[in-house]
N, C-alpha and C. Protein backbone atom coordinates (compact mmCIF):
# COMPACT_ATOMS: atom_id res chain seq x y z
N MET A 1 2.07 110.89 -171.32
CA MET A 1 1.57 110.13 -170.24
C MET A 1 0.17 110.72 -170.18
N VAL A 2 0.14 111.88 -169.93
CA VAL A 2 -0.95 112.72 -169.53
C VAL A 2 -2.04 112.76 -170.75
N LYS A 3 -1.38 112.82 -172.03
CA LYS A 3 -2.21 112.76 -173.14
C LYS A 3 -2.80 111.45 -173.23
N ASN A 4 -2.28 110.61 -173.21
CA ASN A 4 -2.76 109.10 -173.10
C ASN A 4 -3.96 108.93 -172.17
N ILE A 5 -3.93 109.53 -170.88
CA ILE A 5 -4.83 109.62 -169.94
C ILE A 5 -6.01 110.15 -170.16
N GLY A 6 -5.85 111.50 -170.99
CA GLY A 6 -6.66 112.17 -171.65
C GLY A 6 -7.58 111.27 -172.62
N GLN A 7 -6.82 110.61 -173.36
CA GLN A 7 -7.58 109.66 -174.39
C GLN A 7 -8.49 108.49 -173.94
N GLN A 8 -7.70 108.35 -172.89
CA GLN A 8 -8.65 107.15 -172.21
C GLN A 8 -9.80 107.55 -171.67
N MET A 9 -9.65 108.91 -171.15
CA MET A 9 -11.10 109.38 -170.41
C MET A 9 -11.99 109.94 -171.47
N LEU A 10 -11.53 110.12 -172.75
CA LEU A 10 -12.35 110.29 -173.83
C LEU A 10 -13.21 109.45 -174.48
N ASP A 11 -12.41 107.82 -174.32
CA ASP A 11 -12.70 106.66 -174.63
C ASP A 11 -13.67 106.09 -173.46
N ASP A 12 -13.81 106.79 -172.48
CA ASP A 12 -15.09 106.32 -171.56
C ASP A 12 -16.43 107.12 -171.83
N PRO A 13 -17.14 106.14 -171.98
CA PRO A 13 -18.41 106.84 -172.50
C PRO A 13 -19.38 107.79 -171.41
N GLU A 14 -19.09 107.23 -170.12
CA GLU A 14 -19.51 108.34 -168.69
C GLU A 14 -18.89 109.41 -168.93
N LEU A 15 -17.58 109.33 -169.00
CA LEU A 15 -16.58 110.75 -169.13
C LEU A 15 -16.88 111.55 -170.20
N ALA A 16 -16.80 110.88 -171.18
CA ALA A 16 -16.59 111.73 -172.58
C ALA A 16 -17.82 112.55 -172.82
N ARG A 17 -19.22 112.21 -172.39
CA ARG A 17 -20.37 112.92 -172.64
C ARG A 17 -20.15 114.30 -171.83
N VAL A 18 -19.27 114.54 -170.88
CA VAL A 18 -19.13 115.82 -170.06
C VAL A 18 -17.95 116.64 -170.65
N ILE A 19 -16.94 115.88 -171.14
CA ILE A 19 -15.83 116.77 -171.58
C ILE A 19 -15.96 117.47 -172.74
N VAL A 20 -15.55 118.60 -172.63
CA VAL A 20 -15.41 119.67 -173.90
C VAL A 20 -14.10 119.75 -174.45
N SER A 21 -13.23 119.73 -173.71
CA SER A 21 -11.91 119.89 -174.20
C SER A 21 -10.85 118.61 -173.31
N PRO A 22 -10.13 117.66 -173.86
CA PRO A 22 -9.59 116.73 -173.28
C PRO A 22 -8.37 117.34 -172.54
N LEU A 23 -8.00 116.17 -171.34
CA LEU A 23 -7.00 116.54 -170.43
C LEU A 23 -5.49 116.94 -171.38
N LYS A 24 -4.82 117.95 -170.86
CA LYS A 24 -3.70 118.24 -171.29
C LYS A 24 -2.60 118.75 -170.39
N ALA A 25 -1.22 118.59 -170.36
CA ALA A 25 -0.35 118.91 -169.51
C ALA A 25 0.60 119.90 -170.27
N VAL A 26 1.18 120.65 -169.10
CA VAL A 26 2.36 121.76 -170.00
C VAL A 26 3.15 121.84 -168.89
N LEU A 27 4.49 122.10 -169.14
CA LEU A 27 5.51 122.22 -168.12
C LEU A 27 5.44 123.68 -167.71
N TYR A 28 5.05 123.78 -166.47
CA TYR A 28 4.91 125.16 -165.72
C TYR A 28 5.92 125.74 -165.30
N ARG A 29 7.05 124.93 -164.33
CA ARG A 29 8.10 125.70 -163.55
C ARG A 29 9.16 124.57 -163.36
N ILE A 30 10.17 124.84 -163.62
CA ILE A 30 11.50 124.00 -163.11
C ILE A 30 12.16 124.64 -161.67
N ASP A 31 11.99 123.71 -160.43
CA ASP A 31 12.49 123.80 -159.51
C ASP A 31 13.92 123.03 -159.24
N PRO A 32 14.88 123.40 -158.25
CA PRO A 32 15.88 122.32 -158.00
C PRO A 32 15.26 121.09 -157.92
N GLY A 33 15.28 119.95 -158.57
CA GLY A 33 15.23 118.59 -158.40
C GLY A 33 13.69 118.35 -158.66
N VAL A 34 13.10 119.64 -159.15
CA VAL A 34 11.29 119.28 -159.35
C VAL A 34 10.89 119.80 -160.62
N LYS A 35 10.14 119.31 -161.20
CA LYS A 35 9.51 119.46 -162.46
C LYS A 35 8.02 119.88 -161.99
N LEU A 36 7.33 121.14 -162.20
CA LEU A 36 6.11 121.06 -162.03
C LEU A 36 5.25 121.29 -163.43
N PHE A 37 4.21 120.51 -163.44
CA PHE A 37 3.14 120.44 -164.74
C PHE A 37 1.97 120.78 -164.43
N ARG A 38 1.34 121.56 -165.21
CA ARG A 38 0.08 121.88 -165.06
C ARG A 38 -0.79 121.29 -166.03
N CYS A 39 -2.14 120.74 -165.38
CA CYS A 39 -2.89 119.94 -166.29
C CYS A 39 -4.27 120.69 -166.36
N LYS A 40 -4.94 120.56 -167.66
CA LYS A 40 -6.23 121.28 -167.87
C LYS A 40 -7.19 120.69 -168.58
N PHE A 41 -8.15 120.70 -168.62
CA PHE A 41 -9.18 120.26 -169.41
C PHE A 41 -10.46 121.08 -169.41
N GLN A 42 -11.64 120.77 -169.99
CA GLN A 42 -12.74 121.53 -170.08
C GLN A 42 -13.89 120.64 -170.17
N THR A 43 -14.98 120.88 -169.15
CA THR A 43 -16.19 120.09 -169.04
C THR A 43 -17.33 120.94 -169.25
N LEU A 44 -18.51 120.37 -169.01
CA LEU A 44 -19.67 121.06 -169.12
C LEU A 44 -19.96 121.44 -167.97
N PRO A 45 -20.59 122.71 -167.57
CA PRO A 45 -20.68 123.46 -166.33
C PRO A 45 -20.90 122.48 -165.20
N GLY A 46 -20.30 122.62 -164.11
CA GLY A 46 -20.73 121.60 -162.71
C GLY A 46 -20.20 120.46 -162.88
N GLN A 47 -19.50 120.04 -163.89
CA GLN A 47 -19.27 118.51 -163.98
C GLN A 47 -17.49 118.22 -163.97
N GLN A 48 -16.84 119.66 -163.75
CA GLN A 48 -15.28 119.54 -163.48
C GLN A 48 -15.05 118.54 -162.28
N PHE A 49 -15.85 118.62 -161.52
CA PHE A 49 -15.21 118.01 -160.14
C PHE A 49 -15.03 116.37 -160.21
N GLN A 50 -16.08 115.92 -160.77
CA GLN A 50 -16.13 114.63 -161.38
C GLN A 50 -14.96 114.22 -161.94
N VAL A 51 -14.70 114.97 -162.99
CA VAL A 51 -13.52 114.57 -164.06
C VAL A 51 -12.24 114.95 -163.41
N ARG A 52 -12.21 116.04 -162.62
CA ARG A 52 -10.96 116.27 -161.94
C ARG A 52 -10.62 115.11 -161.07
N THR A 53 -11.32 114.23 -160.34
CA THR A 53 -11.02 113.20 -159.40
C THR A 53 -10.66 112.20 -160.30
N VAL A 54 -11.21 111.94 -161.28
CA VAL A 54 -10.78 110.60 -161.82
C VAL A 54 -9.55 111.01 -162.77
N ALA A 55 -9.15 112.12 -163.19
CA ALA A 55 -8.05 112.68 -164.03
C ALA A 55 -6.67 112.30 -162.69
N TYR A 56 -7.07 113.01 -161.39
CA TYR A 56 -5.70 112.85 -160.24
C TYR A 56 -5.76 111.43 -160.44
N LYS A 57 -6.55 110.66 -159.95
CA LYS A 57 -6.25 109.37 -159.68
C LYS A 57 -5.73 108.54 -160.85
N ARG A 58 -5.85 108.78 -161.91
CA ARG A 58 -5.40 108.03 -163.01
C ARG A 58 -4.04 108.43 -163.27
N ILE A 59 -3.66 110.02 -163.10
CA ILE A 59 -2.39 110.48 -163.32
C ILE A 59 -1.42 110.08 -162.22
N GLU A 60 -2.10 110.08 -160.89
CA GLU A 60 -1.24 109.52 -159.76
C GLU A 60 -0.96 107.99 -160.00
N ALA A 61 -1.93 107.09 -160.52
CA ALA A 61 -1.56 105.64 -160.49
C ALA A 61 -0.50 105.48 -161.81
N GLU A 62 -0.52 106.27 -162.83
CA GLU A 62 0.63 106.11 -164.13
C GLU A 62 1.64 106.60 -163.36
N LEU A 63 1.84 107.57 -162.69
CA LEU A 63 3.33 108.11 -162.10
C LEU A 63 3.83 107.02 -161.31
N ARG A 64 3.01 106.60 -160.21
CA ARG A 64 3.50 105.27 -159.42
C ARG A 64 3.86 104.14 -160.35
N LYS A 65 3.09 103.58 -161.27
CA LYS A 65 3.46 102.92 -162.19
C LYS A 65 4.68 102.67 -162.91
N ALA A 66 5.01 104.19 -163.37
CA ALA A 66 6.26 104.78 -164.21
C ALA A 66 7.49 104.71 -163.07
N GLY A 67 7.19 104.72 -161.68
CA GLY A 67 8.24 105.12 -160.90
C GLY A 67 8.89 106.18 -160.48
N ILE A 68 7.66 107.17 -160.82
CA ILE A 68 8.00 108.67 -160.73
C ILE A 68 7.46 109.22 -159.40
N PRO A 69 8.44 109.67 -158.54
CA PRO A 69 7.86 109.94 -157.22
C PRO A 69 7.21 111.42 -157.36
N PHE A 70 6.11 111.67 -156.36
CA PHE A 70 5.65 112.99 -156.10
C PHE A 70 6.56 113.85 -155.26
N ALA A 71 6.82 115.19 -155.73
CA ALA A 71 7.82 115.79 -154.49
C ALA A 71 7.12 116.14 -153.25
N GLU A 72 8.16 116.08 -152.16
CA GLU A 72 7.70 116.41 -150.95
C GLU A 72 7.32 117.63 -150.53
N SER A 73 6.24 117.79 -149.78
CA SER A 73 5.90 119.28 -149.51
C SER A 73 6.65 119.31 -148.03
N GLY A 74 7.15 120.50 -147.83
CA GLY A 74 8.04 120.79 -146.69
C GLY A 74 9.67 120.51 -146.96
N SER A 75 10.32 120.84 -145.71
CA SER A 75 11.66 120.60 -145.88
C SER A 75 12.19 119.61 -144.83
N LYS A 76 13.51 118.99 -145.26
CA LYS A 76 14.12 118.23 -144.31
C LYS A 76 15.24 118.86 -143.54
N VAL A 77 15.33 118.84 -142.36
CA VAL A 77 16.45 119.32 -141.71
C VAL A 77 17.59 118.22 -140.89
N ILE A 78 18.80 118.12 -141.43
CA ILE A 78 19.54 117.31 -140.92
C ILE A 78 20.54 118.10 -139.98
N VAL A 79 20.70 117.62 -138.54
CA VAL A 79 21.58 118.19 -137.80
C VAL A 79 22.78 117.46 -137.48
N HIS A 80 23.77 117.94 -137.40
CA HIS A 80 25.07 117.09 -136.84
C HIS A 80 25.86 117.71 -135.93
N ASP A 81 26.24 117.11 -134.77
CA ASP A 81 27.00 117.78 -133.78
C ASP A 81 28.29 117.99 -133.81
N SER A 82 28.86 118.49 -132.86
CA SER A 82 30.52 119.04 -133.51
C SER A 82 31.01 117.88 -133.89
N SER A 83 31.01 116.40 -133.59
CA SER A 83 31.72 115.72 -133.98
C SER A 83 31.53 115.27 -135.42
N GLY A 84 30.30 115.69 -135.87
CA GLY A 84 29.91 115.47 -137.32
C GLY A 84 28.84 114.00 -137.04
N ALA A 85 28.50 113.82 -136.00
CA ALA A 85 27.60 112.68 -135.89
C ALA A 85 26.27 113.30 -136.09
N ARG A 86 25.62 112.35 -136.87
CA ARG A 86 23.91 112.94 -136.98
C ARG A 86 23.00 112.80 -136.00
N LEU A 87 22.45 113.94 -135.70
CA LEU A 87 21.24 114.03 -134.56
C LEU A 87 19.79 113.84 -135.13
N PRO A 88 18.90 113.37 -134.13
CA PRO A 88 17.63 113.18 -134.76
C PRO A 88 17.06 114.89 -135.09
N ALA A 89 16.34 115.04 -135.95
CA ALA A 89 15.68 116.37 -136.07
C ALA A 89 14.63 116.76 -135.26
N PRO A 90 14.75 117.82 -134.91
CA PRO A 90 13.56 118.22 -133.76
C PRO A 90 12.34 118.03 -133.88
N VAL A 91 11.46 117.67 -133.21
CA VAL A 91 10.09 117.44 -133.49
C VAL A 91 9.44 118.96 -133.93
N PRO A 92 8.38 119.11 -134.79
CA PRO A 92 7.80 120.24 -135.12
C PRO A 92 7.00 120.49 -134.16
N ALA A 93 6.79 122.05 -133.88
CA ALA A 93 5.81 122.32 -132.82
C ALA A 93 4.48 121.69 -132.83
N GLU A 94 3.88 121.79 -134.25
CA GLU A 94 2.49 121.29 -134.12
C GLU A 94 2.51 119.81 -133.87
N LYS A 95 3.44 118.74 -134.02
CA LYS A 95 3.48 117.33 -133.61
C LYS A 95 3.56 117.32 -132.10
N ALA A 96 4.45 118.43 -131.45
CA ALA A 96 4.74 118.14 -130.03
C ALA A 96 3.73 118.61 -129.28
N ASN A 97 3.06 119.27 -129.85
CA ASN A 97 1.88 119.57 -128.75
C ASN A 97 0.49 118.81 -129.32
N GLY A 98 0.55 118.17 -130.33
CA GLY A 98 -0.59 117.40 -130.64
C GLY A 98 -0.63 115.89 -130.19
């Protein structure tokens, strides 16, 4: 999927003129229930921010289209009382104060 996005970016004349090395992905790490991929590309000096924005948007759109969810940052806490009933999770301190 990332390789195809990289090729699409090379087919775009506006982006192709600043891309030196196309977008690629490699499996970086596997955590429980999560696979982390690193993406890289090379541009002319000072052009990486423009290309990175386009790459992120296209990758996000393709993942959404394929039904692949992003990993959630943070943890979920499920609290049960002594009867086993599920209780609402406590409100984090930054939300309680803000």
